C-alpha atoms as a PDB file:
ATOM      1  CA  ASP A   1       9.416  29.284  -8.989  1.00  0.00           C
ATOM      2  CA  ASP A   2      10.541  30.983  -5.782  1.00  0.00           C
ATOM      3  CA  VAL A   3       8.369  28.929  -3.435  1.00  0.00           C
ATOM      4  CA  ARG A   4       9.529  25.637  -4.929  1.00  0.00           C
ATOM      5  CA  GLU A   5      13.132  26.748  -4.630  1.00  0.00           C
ATOM      6  CA  ALA A   6      12.635  27.767  -1.003  1.00  0.00           C
ATOM      7  CA  ILE A   7      11.143  24.339  -0.210  1.00  0.00           C
ATOM      8  CA  LYS A   8      14.060  22.578  -1.914  1.00  0.00           C
ATOM      9  CA  LYS A   9      16.626  24.562   0.050  1.00  0.00           C
ATOM     10  CA  SER A  10      14.855  23.872   3.358  1.00  0.00           C
ATOM     11  CA  LEU A  11      14.833  20.065   3.125  1.00  0.00           C
ATOM     12  CA  ALA A  12      18.435  19.102   3.879  1.00  0.00           C
ATOM     13  CA  CYS A  13      19.253  18.866   7.590  1.00  0.00           C
ATOM     14  CA  PRO A  14      22.192  16.707   8.705  1.00  0.00           C
ATOM     15  CA  THR A  15      20.963  16.585  12.314  1.00  0.00           C
ATOM     16  CA  PHE A  16      17.410  15.436  11.554  1.00  0.00           C
ATOM     17  CA  ASP A  17      16.670  11.716  11.200  1.00  0.00           C
ATOM     18  CA  ASP A  18      18.421  10.545   8.019  1.00  0.00           C
ATOM     19  CA  GLY A  19      19.555  13.987   6.890  1.00  0.00           C
ATOM     20  CA  SER A  20      16.365  15.347   5.348  1.00  0.00           C
ATOM     21  CA  PHE A  21      13.022  16.838   6.358  1.00  0.00           C
ATOM     22  CA  GLY A  22      11.621  15.389   3.117  1.00  0.00           C
ATOM     23  CA  PRO A  23       9.792  12.372   4.559  1.00  0.00           C
ATOM     24  CA  VAL A  24       8.020  14.329   7.308  1.00  0.00           C
ATOM     25  CA  VAL A  25       6.974  17.012   4.791  1.00  0.00           C
ATOM     26  CA  VAL A  26       5.414  14.258   2.671  1.00  0.00           C
ATOM     27  CA  ARG A  27       3.681  12.867   5.760  1.00  0.00           C
ATOM     28  CA  LEU A  28       2.228  16.300   6.549  1.00  0.00           C
ATOM     29  CA  ALA A  29       0.535  16.532   3.162  1.00  0.00           C
ATOM     30  CA  TRP A  30      -0.516  12.875   3.281  1.00  0.00           C
ATOM     31  CA  HIS A  31      -2.296  13.338   6.601  1.00  0.00           C
ATOM     32  CA  ALA A  32      -3.845  16.650   5.574  1.00  0.00           C
ATOM     33  CA  CYS A  33      -5.425  14.888   2.592  1.00  0.00           C
ATOM     34  CA  ALA A  34      -6.348  11.601   4.295  1.00  0.00           C
ATOM     35  CA  THR A  35      -9.145  13.159   6.370  1.00  0.00           C
ATOM     36  CA  TYR A  36     -11.351  13.194   3.265  1.00  0.00           C
ATOM     37  CA  ASP A  37     -14.666  11.351   3.257  1.00  0.00           C
ATOM     38  CA  LYS A  38     -16.177  10.800  -0.174  1.00  0.00           C
ATOM     39  CA  ASN A  39     -19.591  10.160   1.418  1.00  0.00           C
ATOM     40  CA  THR A  40     -19.874  13.638   2.888  1.00  0.00           C
ATOM     41  CA  GLY A  41     -17.306  15.620   0.890  1.00  0.00           C
ATOM     42  CA  GLU A  42     -15.714  16.756   4.141  1.00  0.00           C
ATOM     43  CA  GLY A  43     -11.991  16.871   4.857  1.00  0.00           C
ATOM     44  CA  GLY A  44      -9.089  16.677   2.449  1.00  0.00           C
ATOM     45  CA  SER A  45      -6.318  19.112   1.632  1.00  0.00           C
ATOM     46  CA  ASN A  46      -8.551  22.133   1.118  1.00  0.00           C
ATOM     47  CA  GLY A  47      -8.687  24.362   4.183  1.00  0.00           C
ATOM     48  CA  ALA A  48      -5.414  23.291   5.850  1.00  0.00           C
ATOM     49  CA  THR A  49      -7.514  22.453   8.892  1.00  0.00           C
ATOM     50  CA  MET A  50      -4.616  20.754  10.694  1.00  0.00           C
ATOM     51  CA  ARG A  51      -3.678  24.222  11.933  1.00  0.00           C
ATOM     52  CA  PHE A  52      -6.459  23.846  14.503  1.00  0.00           C
ATOM     53  CA  PRO A  53      -7.339  21.328  17.218  1.00  0.00           C
ATOM     54  CA  PRO A  54      -8.734  18.737  17.406  1.00  0.00           C
ATOM     55  CA  GLU A  55      -7.169  17.723  14.057  1.00  0.00           C
ATOM     56  CA  LEU A  56      -3.826  19.165  15.151  1.00  0.00           C
ATOM     57  CA  THR A  57      -3.893  16.922  18.223  1.00  0.00           C
ATOM     58  CA  ASP A  58      -5.135  13.760  16.482  1.00  0.00           C
ATOM     59  CA  ASP A  59      -2.948  10.849  17.635  1.00  0.00           C
ATOM     60  CA  GLY A  60      -2.119  10.093  14.002  1.00  0.00           C
ATOM     61  CA  ASN A  61      -0.559  13.530  13.579  1.00  0.00           C
ATOM     62  CA  THR A  62       1.884  13.239  16.461  1.00  0.00           C
ATOM     63  CA  GLY A  63       5.366  14.276  15.368  1.00  0.00           C
ATOM     64  CA  LEU A  64       4.285  16.561  12.536  1.00  0.00           C
ATOM     65  CA  HIS A  65       5.269  19.720  14.436  1.00  0.00           C
ATOM     66  CA  THR A  66       8.649  19.676  12.660  1.00  0.00           C
ATOM     67  CA  ALA A  67       7.056  19.842   9.210  1.00  0.00           C
ATOM     68  CA  LEU A  68       4.494  22.410  10.345  1.00  0.00           C
ATOM     69  CA  HIS A  69       7.263  24.666  11.635  1.00  0.00           C
ATOM     70  CA  LEU A  70       9.298  24.239   8.436  1.00  0.00           C
ATOM     71  CA  MET A  71       6.296  25.175   6.298  1.00  0.00           C
ATOM     72  CA  GLU A  72       5.496  28.124   8.573  1.00  0.00           C
ATOM     73  CA  VAL A  73       8.932  29.622   7.949  1.00  0.00           C
ATOM     74  CA  ILE A  74       8.337  29.440   4.204  1.00  0.00           C
ATOM     75  CA  LYS A  75       4.787  30.773   4.570  1.00  0.00           C
ATOM     76  CA  GLN A  76       6.125  33.865   6.334  1.00  0.00           C
ATOM     77  CA  ARG A  77       8.427  34.512   3.370  1.00  0.00           C
ATOM     78  CA  PHE A  78       5.664  33.951   0.810  1.00  0.00           C
ATOM     79  CA  PRO A  79       2.379  35.006   2.454  1.00  0.00           C
ATOM     80  CA  ALA A  80       0.445  34.930  -0.823  1.00  0.00           C
ATOM     81  CA  ILE A  81       0.444  31.131  -1.001  1.00  0.00           C
ATOM     82  CA  THR A  82      -2.155  29.410   1.148  1.00  0.00           C
ATOM     83  CA  TYR A  83      -1.148  26.841   3.744  1.00  0.00           C
ATOM     84  CA  ALA A  84      -3.197  24.243   1.877  1.00  0.00           C
ATOM     85  CA  ASP A  85      -1.282  24.866  -1.347  1.00  0.00           C
ATOM     86  CA  LEU A  86       2.052  25.112   0.451  1.00  0.00           C
ATOM     87  CA  TRP A  87       1.698  21.815   2.307  1.00  0.00           C
ATOM     88  CA  THR A  88       0.719  19.893  -0.806  1.00  0.00           C
ATOM     89  CA  LEU A  89       3.383  21.559  -2.948  1.00  0.00           C
ATOM     90  CA  GLY A  90       5.903  20.782  -0.227  1.00  0.00           C
ATOM     91  CA  ALA A  91       5.232  17.062  -0.599  1.00  0.00           C
ATOM     92  CA  VAL A  92       5.519  17.215  -4.381  1.00  0.00           C
ATOM     93  CA  VAL A  93       8.866  19.000  -4.199  1.00  0.00           C
ATOM     94  CA  ALA A  94      10.154  16.711  -1.429  1.00  0.00           C
ATOM     95  CA  ILE A  95       9.316  13.553  -3.385  1.00  0.00           C
ATOM     96  CA  GLU A  96      11.045  14.899  -6.489  1.00  0.00           C
ATOM     97  CA  GLU A  97      14.106  15.890  -4.428  1.00  0.00           C
ATOM     98  CA  MET A  98      14.292  12.341  -3.032  1.00  0.00           C
ATOM     99  CA  CYS A  99      14.559  10.912  -6.569  1.00  0.00           C
ATOM    100  CA  GLY A 100      10.825  10.314  -6.900  1.00  0.00           C
ATOM    101  CA  PRO A 101       8.579  11.029  -9.873  1.00  0.00           C
ATOM    102  CA  LYS A 102       7.252  14.389 -10.943  1.00  0.00           C
ATOM    103  CA  ILE A 103       3.711  14.730  -9.634  1.00  0.00           C
ATOM    104  CA  GLU A 104       1.008  16.921 -11.133  1.00  0.00           C
ATOM    105  CA  TRP A 105       0.108  19.748  -8.765  1.00  0.00           C
ATOM    106  CA  LYS A 106      -2.362  22.596  -9.184  1.00  0.00           C
ATOM    107  CA  PRO A 107      -2.830  25.634  -6.924  1.00  0.00           C
ATOM    108  CA  GLY A 108      -6.182  26.997  -5.845  1.00  0.00           C
ATOM    109  CA  ARG A 109      -6.760  25.573  -2.376  1.00  0.00           C
ATOM    110  CA  ILE A 110      -8.047  27.949   0.278  1.00  0.00           C
ATOM    111  CA  ASP A 111      -7.396  28.147   4.018  1.00  0.00           C
ATOM    112  CA  CYS A 112     -10.181  27.907   6.565  1.00  0.00           C
ATOM    113  CA  SER A 113     -10.179  30.879   8.909  1.00  0.00           C
ATOM    114  CA  ASP A 114     -11.537  28.998  11.926  1.00  0.00           C
ATOM    115  CA  GLN A 115     -12.376  25.546  13.300  1.00  0.00           C
ATOM    116  CA  SER A 116     -15.839  25.216  11.756  1.00  0.00           C
ATOM    117  CA  LYS A 117     -14.708  22.979   8.863  1.00  0.00           C
ATOM    118  CA  ILE A 118     -12.432  20.635  10.795  1.00  0.00           C
ATOM    119  CA  PRO A 119     -13.189  16.974   9.983  1.00  0.00           C
ATOM    120  CA  ALA A 120     -13.718  14.467  12.753  1.00  0.00           C
ATOM    121  CA  ASN A 121     -10.671  12.797  14.264  1.00  0.00           C
ATOM    122  CA  GLY A 122     -10.047   9.113  13.686  1.00  0.00           C
ATOM    123  CA  ARG A 123     -10.118   9.102   9.871  1.00  0.00           C
ATOM    124  CA  LEU A 124      -6.406   8.465   9.331  1.00  0.00           C
ATOM    125  CA  PRO A 125      -5.149   4.961   8.503  1.00  0.00           C
ATOM    126  CA  LEU A 126      -3.736   3.117  11.519  1.00  0.00           C
ATOM    127  CA  GLY A 127      -0.647   0.937  11.259  1.00  0.00           C
ATOM    128  CA  SER A 128      -1.942  -1.567  13.812  1.00  0.00           C
ATOM    129  CA  LYS A 129      -5.017  -2.634  11.849  1.00  0.00           C
ATOM    130  CA  ASP A 130      -5.882  -5.330   9.282  1.00  0.00           C
ATOM    131  CA  ARG A 131      -6.890  -5.391   5.626  1.00  0.00           C
ATOM    132  CA  HIS A 132     -10.520  -4.556   6.475  1.00  0.00           C
ATOM    133  CA  HIS A 133      -9.423  -1.287   8.068  1.00  0.00           C
ATOM    134  CA  ILE A 134      -7.167  -0.536   5.088  1.00  0.00           C
ATOM    135  CA  ARG A 135     -10.023  -0.945   2.637  1.00  0.00           C
ATOM    136  CA  ASP A 136     -12.428   0.970   4.849  1.00  0.00           C
ATOM    137  CA  VAL A 137     -10.124   3.996   4.932  1.00  0.00           C
ATOM    138  CA  PHE A 138      -8.715   3.908   1.415  1.00  0.00           C
ATOM    139  CA  GLN A 139     -11.769   2.720  -0.489  1.00  0.00           C
ATOM    140  CA  ASN A 140     -14.909   3.481   1.509  1.00  0.00           C
ATOM    141  CA  HIS A 141     -13.776   6.969   2.524  1.00  0.00           C
ATOM    142  CA  LEU A 142     -10.928   8.140   0.292  1.00  0.00           C
ATOM    143  CA  GLY A 143     -12.248   6.493  -2.856  1.00  0.00           C
ATOM    144  CA  PHE A 144      -9.191   4.529  -4.021  1.00  0.00           C
ATOM    145  CA  ASN A 145      -9.117   1.011  -5.473  1.00  0.00           C
ATOM    146  CA  ASP A 146      -6.809  -1.858  -4.438  1.00  0.00           C
ATOM    147  CA  GLN A 147      -4.039  -0.864  -6.852  1.00  0.00           C
ATOM    148  CA  GLU A 148      -4.047   2.770  -5.729  1.00  0.00           C
ATOM    149  CA  THR A 149      -4.160   1.690  -2.086  1.00  0.00           C
ATOM    150  CA  VAL A 150      -1.072  -0.492  -2.414  1.00  0.00           C
ATOM    151  CA  VAL A 151       0.932   2.044  -4.391  1.00  0.00           C
ATOM    152  CA  LEU A 152       0.140   4.846  -1.927  1.00  0.00           C
ATOM    153  CA  ILE A 153       1.054   2.793   1.140  1.00  0.00           C
ATOM    154  CA  GLY A 154       4.239   1.530  -0.505  1.00  0.00           C
ATOM    155  CA  GLY A 155       5.233   4.985  -1.673  1.00  0.00           C
ATOM    156  CA  GLY A 156       4.629   6.527   1.711  1.00  0.00           C
ATOM    157  CA  HIS A 157       6.546   3.798   3.486  1.00  0.00           C
ATOM    158  CA  SER A 158       9.471   3.903   1.087  1.00  0.00           C
ATOM    159  CA  LEU A 159      10.362   7.114   2.920  1.00  0.00           C
ATOM    160  CA  GLY A 160      11.047   8.033   6.524  1.00  0.00           C
ATOM    161  CA  ARG A 161      10.863   6.035   9.709  1.00  0.00           C
ATOM    162  CA  CYS A 162       8.803   5.453  12.848  1.00  0.00           C
ATOM    163  CA  HIS A 163       9.796   7.033  16.174  1.00  0.00           C
ATOM    164  CA  ARG A 164       8.931   5.291  19.416  1.00  0.00           C
ATOM    165  CA  LYS A 165       8.463   8.619  21.222  1.00  0.00           C
ATOM    166  CA  TYR A 166       5.585   9.454  18.854  1.00  0.00           C
ATOM    167  CA  SER A 167       3.939   6.178  17.834  1.00  0.00           C
ATOM    168  CA  GLY A 168       5.524   3.500  19.991  1.00  0.00           C
ATOM    169  CA  TRP A 169       7.035   1.898  16.871  1.00  0.00           C
ATOM    170  CA  GLU A 170      10.661   2.259  15.941  1.00  0.00           C
ATOM    171  CA  GLY A 171      12.737   1.972  12.770  1.00  0.00           C
ATOM    172  CA  LYS A 172      12.796   2.454   9.029  1.00  0.00           C
ATOM    173  CA  TRP A 173      11.116   0.453   6.287  1.00  0.00           C
ATOM    174  CA  THR A 174      13.978   0.557   3.789  1.00  0.00           C
ATOM    175  CA  GLU A 175      17.755   0.853   3.885  1.00  0.00           C
ATOM    176  CA  ASN A 176      17.706   4.396   2.491  1.00  0.00           C
ATOM    177  CA  PRO A 177      14.618   6.219   3.811  1.00  0.00           C
ATOM    178  CA  ILE A 178      15.343   9.445   1.930  1.00  0.00           C
ATOM    179  CA  HIS A 179      15.442   7.778  -1.503  1.00  0.00           C
ATOM    180  CA  PHE A 180      12.120   7.154  -3.239  1.00  0.00           C
ATOM    181  CA  SER A 181      11.905   3.774  -4.964  1.00  0.00           C
ATOM    182  CA  ASN A 182      10.072   0.442  -4.977  1.00  0.00           C
ATOM    183  CA  ARG A 183      12.432  -0.909  -2.334  1.00  0.00           C
ATOM    184  CA  PHE A 184       9.618  -1.169   0.238  1.00  0.00           C
ATOM    185  CA  PHE A 185       7.919  -3.842  -1.868  1.00  0.00           C
ATOM    186  CA  VAL A 186      11.171  -5.715  -2.501  1.00  0.00           C
ATOM    187  CA  VAL A 187      12.120  -6.042   1.178  1.00  0.00           C
ATOM    188  CA  LEU A 188       8.534  -6.783   2.176  1.00  0.00           C
ATOM    189  CA  LEU A 189       8.558  -9.840  -0.106  1.00  0.00           C
ATOM    190  CA  GLU A 190      12.151 -11.009   0.180  1.00  0.00           C
ATOM    191  CA  LEU A 191      13.083 -10.670   3.852  1.00  0.00           C
ATOM    192  CA  GLU A 192      12.020 -12.835   6.765  1.00  0.00           C
ATOM    193  CA  TRP A 193       9.951 -10.953   9.343  1.00  0.00           C
ATOM    194  CA  GLU A 194       9.342 -11.641  13.011  1.00  0.00           C
ATOM    195  CA  TRP A 195       6.472 -10.213  15.080  1.00  0.00           C
ATOM    196  CA  ASP A 196       7.884  -8.779  18.289  1.00  0.00           C
ATOM    197  CA  ALA A 197       7.668  -5.881  20.732  1.00  0.00           C
ATOM    198  CA  VAL A 198       9.662  -2.670  20.634  1.00  0.00           C
ATOM    199  CA  PRO A 199      11.680  -3.052  23.850  1.00  0.00           C
ATOM    200  CA  ALA A 200      11.212   0.520  25.067  1.00  0.00           C
ATOM    201  CA  THR A 201       7.450   0.722  24.487  1.00  0.00           C
ATOM    202  CA  GLY A 202       5.973  -2.760  24.133  1.00  0.00           C
ATOM    203  CA  SER A 203       4.341  -1.803  20.821  1.00  0.00           C
ATOM    204  CA  MET A 204       4.191  -4.722  18.408  1.00  0.00           C
ATOM    205  CA  GLN A 205       5.731  -4.591  14.959  1.00  0.00           C
ATOM    206  CA  TYR A 206       7.693  -6.767  12.537  1.00  0.00           C
ATOM    207  CA  PHE A 207      11.507  -6.857  12.574  1.00  0.00           C
ATOM    208  CA  ASN A 208      13.799  -8.340   9.949  1.00  0.00           C
ATOM    209  CA  ARG A 209      16.455 -10.828  11.036  1.00  0.00           C
ATOM    210  CA  GLU A 210      19.112  -8.121  11.456  1.00  0.00           C
ATOM    211  CA  ASN A 211      16.716  -5.849  13.397  1.00  0.00           C
ATOM    212  CA  ASP A 212      17.607  -2.874  11.202  1.00  0.00           C
ATOM    213  CA  LEU A 213      14.322  -2.680   9.258  1.00  0.00           C
ATOM    214  CA  MET A 214      10.693  -2.822  10.339  1.00  0.00           C
ATOM    215  CA  MET A 215       7.175  -3.329   9.046  1.00  0.00           C
ATOM    216  CA  LEU A 216       3.813  -2.527  10.584  1.00  0.00           C
ATOM    217  CA  ARG A 217       0.852  -4.869  10.721  1.00  0.00           C
ATOM    218  CA  THR A 218      -0.804  -2.970   7.874  1.00  0.00           C
ATOM    219  CA  ASP A 219       2.314  -3.461   5.732  1.00  0.00           C
ATOM    220  CA  MET A 220       2.233  -7.213   6.250  1.00  0.00           C
ATOM    221  CA  GLU A 221      -1.467  -7.270   5.383  1.00  0.00           C
ATOM    222  CA  LEU A 222      -0.448  -6.256   1.867  1.00  0.00           C
ATOM    223  CA  ILE A 223       1.067  -9.700   1.287  1.00  0.00           C
ATOM    224  CA  LYS A 224      -1.520 -11.648   3.274  1.00  0.00           C
ATOM    225  CA  ASP A 225      -4.392 -10.378   1.123  1.00  0.00           C
ATOM    226  CA  PRO A 226      -4.267 -11.944  -2.391  1.00  0.00           C
ATOM    227  CA  GLU A 227      -5.581  -8.864  -4.221  1.00  0.00           C
ATOM    228  CA  PHE A 228      -3.140  -6.564  -2.455  1.00  0.00           C
ATOM    229  CA  LYS A 229      -0.247  -9.009  -2.886  1.00  0.00           C
ATOM    230  CA  LYS A 230      -0.757  -9.089  -6.646  1.00  0.00           C
ATOM    231  CA  TRP A 231       0.137  -5.394  -6.786  1.00  0.00           C
ATOM    232  CA  VAL A 232       3.000  -5.749  -4.301  1.00  0.00           C
ATOM    233  CA  GLU A 233       4.603  -8.296  -6.638  1.00  0.00           C
ATOM    234  CA  ILE A 234       4.057  -6.111  -9.696  1.00  0.00           C
ATOM    235  CA  TYR A 235       5.649  -3.076  -8.073  1.00  0.00           C
ATOM    236  CA  ALA A 236       8.528  -5.060  -6.553  1.00  0.00           C
ATOM    237  CA  SER A 237       9.537  -6.128 -10.059  1.00  0.00           C
ATOM    238  CA  ASP A 238       8.947  -2.823 -11.890  1.00  0.00           C
ATOM    239  CA  ASN A 239      10.176   0.417 -10.351  1.00  0.00           C
ATOM    240  CA  GLU A 240       9.218   2.456 -13.405  1.00  0.00           C
ATOM    241  CA  LYS A 241       5.592   1.340 -13.220  1.00  0.00           C
ATOM    242  CA  PHE A 242       5.563   1.914  -9.476  1.00  0.00           C
ATOM    243  CA  CYS A 243       6.774   5.504  -9.882  1.00  0.00           C
ATOM    244  CA  LYS A 244       4.257   6.256 -12.617  1.00  0.00           C
ATOM    245  CA  ASP A 245       1.327   4.738 -10.735  1.00  0.00           C
ATOM    246  CA  PHE A 246       2.349   6.451  -7.509  1.00  0.00           C
ATOM    247  CA  ALA A 247       2.527   9.829  -9.238  1.00  0.00           C
ATOM    248  CA  ASP A 248      -1.010   9.342 -10.579  1.00  0.00           C
ATOM    249  CA  ALA A 249      -2.448   8.187  -7.248  1.00  0.00           C
ATOM    250  CA  PHE A 250      -0.666  10.841  -5.194  1.00  0.00           C
ATOM    251  CA  ALA A 251      -1.864  13.593  -7.517  1.00  0.00           C
ATOM    252  CA  LYS A 252      -5.400  12.276  -6.963  1.00  0.00           C
ATOM    253  CA  LEU A 253      -4.831  12.240  -3.188  1.00  0.00           C
ATOM    254  CA  LEU A 254      -3.752  15.895  -3.230  1.00  0.00           C
ATOM    255  CA  GLU A 255      -7.002  16.875  -4.950  1.00  0.00           C
ATOM    256  CA  LEU A 256      -9.338  15.250  -2.420  1.00  0.00           C
ATOM    257  CA  GLY A 257     -11.734  17.835  -1.028  1.00  0.00           C
ATOM    258  CA  VAL A 258     -10.632  20.545  -3.462  1.00  0.00           C
ATOM    259  CA  PRO A 259     -13.555  22.102  -5.379  1.00  0.00           C
ATOM    260  CA  ARG A 260     -12.626  22.645  -9.010  1.00  0.00           C
ATOM    261  CA  SER A 261     -15.005  24.482 -11.304  1.00  0.00           C
END
């Protein structure tokens, strides 16, 4: 439809990162959804609460102003769609445009009119933490199992890059960060990684031997934990299964916090 087409046409940008806004649009939706807490029912994509502080100023959302501005331009053209629907649809379209799978998406999210429904800060997954943090966020709060956790992290990190001016980390996970594939899992398993500091910031991350790819501590935890590693190996050897499982898990992520009657 018209909104999908407008999103598609807005993604290419030769002067931005690797030539596409796609990865940061995916990150916007990811972070909007990842505030969900299954124990309270708070957070998630419904409400588009990232429009307001303190969620807007959460450290984990640093650098998302580009995607927010891009979506705002489209919202002004199509005021009937809610921000919550637009952000999630944006990610679906961006993933498809970057050669990813088709992901089930349903409209019906509403926008909060004020700050009363904003979830607490600090719910987003942190790249500096260990497997216990990963399971706390993805399983205890978001409600995913080990397989879904691995496929969502790997799918998210198959795209885009870190920027030292926002996070302190620097670099891309894969050789082509605007092409969706299982390449994250392949390089995670096959390359040699060294724990070192980003020279400009002192933030610690993993570098490959050529210093042209990076991994975060949470990425490396996926091969240190036996249950996680099992799924890393499966997805590294089967791109078709990875794409299918990612599409299922990401569709579930987009529905977190959305009341459906």
